[in-house]
Amino acid sequence: MSSDAELIGRSLRGDTGAFVEVISRHETALGNYLARRVGRQAAEDVLGDVWVAAYESRANYDRSYPEARPWLYGVALNRQRRHWRSEP
């Protein structure tokens, strides 16, 4: 089984399915994390933003770390904060 770092590297070389595998590995944990913080309804939207942001910034991921979950939690935290700032 490939590490998250290997999958992100493959996605940078054009293998879009590799990043989909990273998403499938971590979507439940990140979705639950966000649901506890912003509510189930908003969590779906914020999680979508997390995946877009992670995909767009994946070239900045330090691939010396095989597990991407801590990095993804950082992306999620930033999107969560953006969500909170956007609420009235």
Protein backbone atom coordinates (compact mmCIF):
# COMPACT_ATOMS: atom_id res chain seq x y z
CA MET A 1 0.00 0.00 0.00
CA SER A 2 1.33 3.42 -0.95
CA SER A 3 1.87 6.09 1.68
CA ASP A 4 -0.02 9.37 1.50
CA ALA A 5 3.24 11.06 0.51
CA GLU A 6 3.68 8.68 -2.42
CA LEU A 7 0.10 9.26 -3.52
CA ILE A 8 0.49 13.02 -3.34
CA GLY A 9 3.67 12.72 -5.39
CA ARG A 10 1.85 10.65 -7.99
CA SER A 11 -0.96 13.20 -8.10
CA LEU A 12 1.60 15.92 -8.81
CA ARG A 13 2.76 13.86 -11.79
CA GLY A 14 -0.78 13.76 -13.18
CA ASP A 15 -2.38 10.73 -11.50
CA THR A 16 -5.65 12.30 -10.32
CA GLY A 17 -6.86 9.01 -8.89
CA ALA A 18 -3.98 9.04 -6.42
CA PHE A 19 -5.31 12.15 -4.67
CA VAL A 20 -8.79 10.61 -4.62
CA GLU A 21 -7.27 7.75 -2.62
CA VAL A 22 -5.83 10.23 -0.10
CA ILE A 23 -9.31 11.74 0.24
CA SER A 24 -10.95 8.35 0.76
CA ARG A 25 -8.44 7.48 3.50
CA HIS A 26 -9.13 10.61 5.54
CA GLU A 27 -12.60 11.91 4.69
CA THR A 28 -14.39 10.21 7.59
CA ALA A 29 -11.95 11.43 10.24
CA LEU A 30 -11.87 14.98 8.88
CA GLY A 31 -15.63 15.04 8.38
CA ASN A 32 -16.20 14.00 11.98
CA TYR A 33 -13.66 16.56 13.21
CA LEU A 34 -15.40 19.36 11.33
CA ALA A 35 -18.89 18.21 12.33
CA ARG A 36 -17.95 18.52 16.01
CA ARG A 37 -16.74 22.08 15.43
CA VAL A 38 -19.09 23.63 12.87
CA GLY A 39 -22.09 21.28 12.89
CA ARG A 40 -23.00 18.46 10.52
CA GLN A 41 -24.62 20.69 7.87
CA ALA A 42 -21.73 23.15 7.57
CA ALA A 43 -19.13 20.38 7.86
CA GLU A 44 -20.00 19.05 4.41
CA ASP A 45 -19.33 22.42 2.78
CA VAL A 46 -16.19 23.06 4.79
CA LEU A 47 -14.90 19.57 4.01
CA GLY A 48 -15.36 20.26 0.31
CA ASP A 49 -13.31 23.42 0.75
CA VAL A 50 -10.64 21.40 2.57
CA TRP A 51 -10.24 19.02 -0.37
CA VAL A 52 -10.02 21.85 -2.89
CA ALA A 53 -7.45 23.70 -0.77
CA ALA A 54 -5.43 20.54 -0.13
CA TYR A 55 -5.41 19.65 -3.82
CA GLU A 56 -4.34 23.15 -4.81
CA SER A 57 -1.56 23.27 -2.21
CA ARG A 58 -0.38 19.65 -2.44
CA ALA A 59 2.91 20.74 -4.02
CA ASN A 60 3.77 22.36 -0.66
CA TYR A 61 3.24 19.10 1.26
CA ASP A 62 6.49 17.88 2.82
CA ARG A 63 6.68 14.37 1.42
CA SER A 64 9.25 13.32 4.01
CA TYR A 65 6.16 12.68 6.18
CA PRO A 66 4.42 9.53 4.92
CA GLU A 67 1.12 10.30 6.69
CA ALA A 68 -0.82 13.34 5.42
CA ARG A 69 -3.46 13.43 8.16
CA PRO A 70 -1.72 16.06 10.35
CA TRP A 71 -1.29 18.30 7.31
CA LEU A 72 -4.92 17.78 6.33
CA TYR A 73 -6.05 18.69 9.86
CA GLY A 74 -4.10 21.94 9.48
CA VAL A 75 -5.88 22.65 6.20
CA ALA A 76 -9.20 21.81 7.88
CA LEU A 77 -8.47 24.15 10.79
CA ASN A 78 -7.75 27.00 8.39
CA ARG A 79 -10.99 26.36 6.47
CA GLN A 80 -12.90 26.07 9.73
CA ARG A 81 -11.61 29.47 10.83
CA ARG A 82 -12.53 30.96 7.46
CA HIS A 83 -16.03 29.53 7.89
CA TRP A 84 -16.39 31.05 11.37
CA ARG A 85 -15.24 34.46 10.10
CA SER A 86 -17.81 34.35 7.31
CA GLU A 87 -20.73 33.79 9.68
CA PRO A 88 -22.71 36.82 10.84
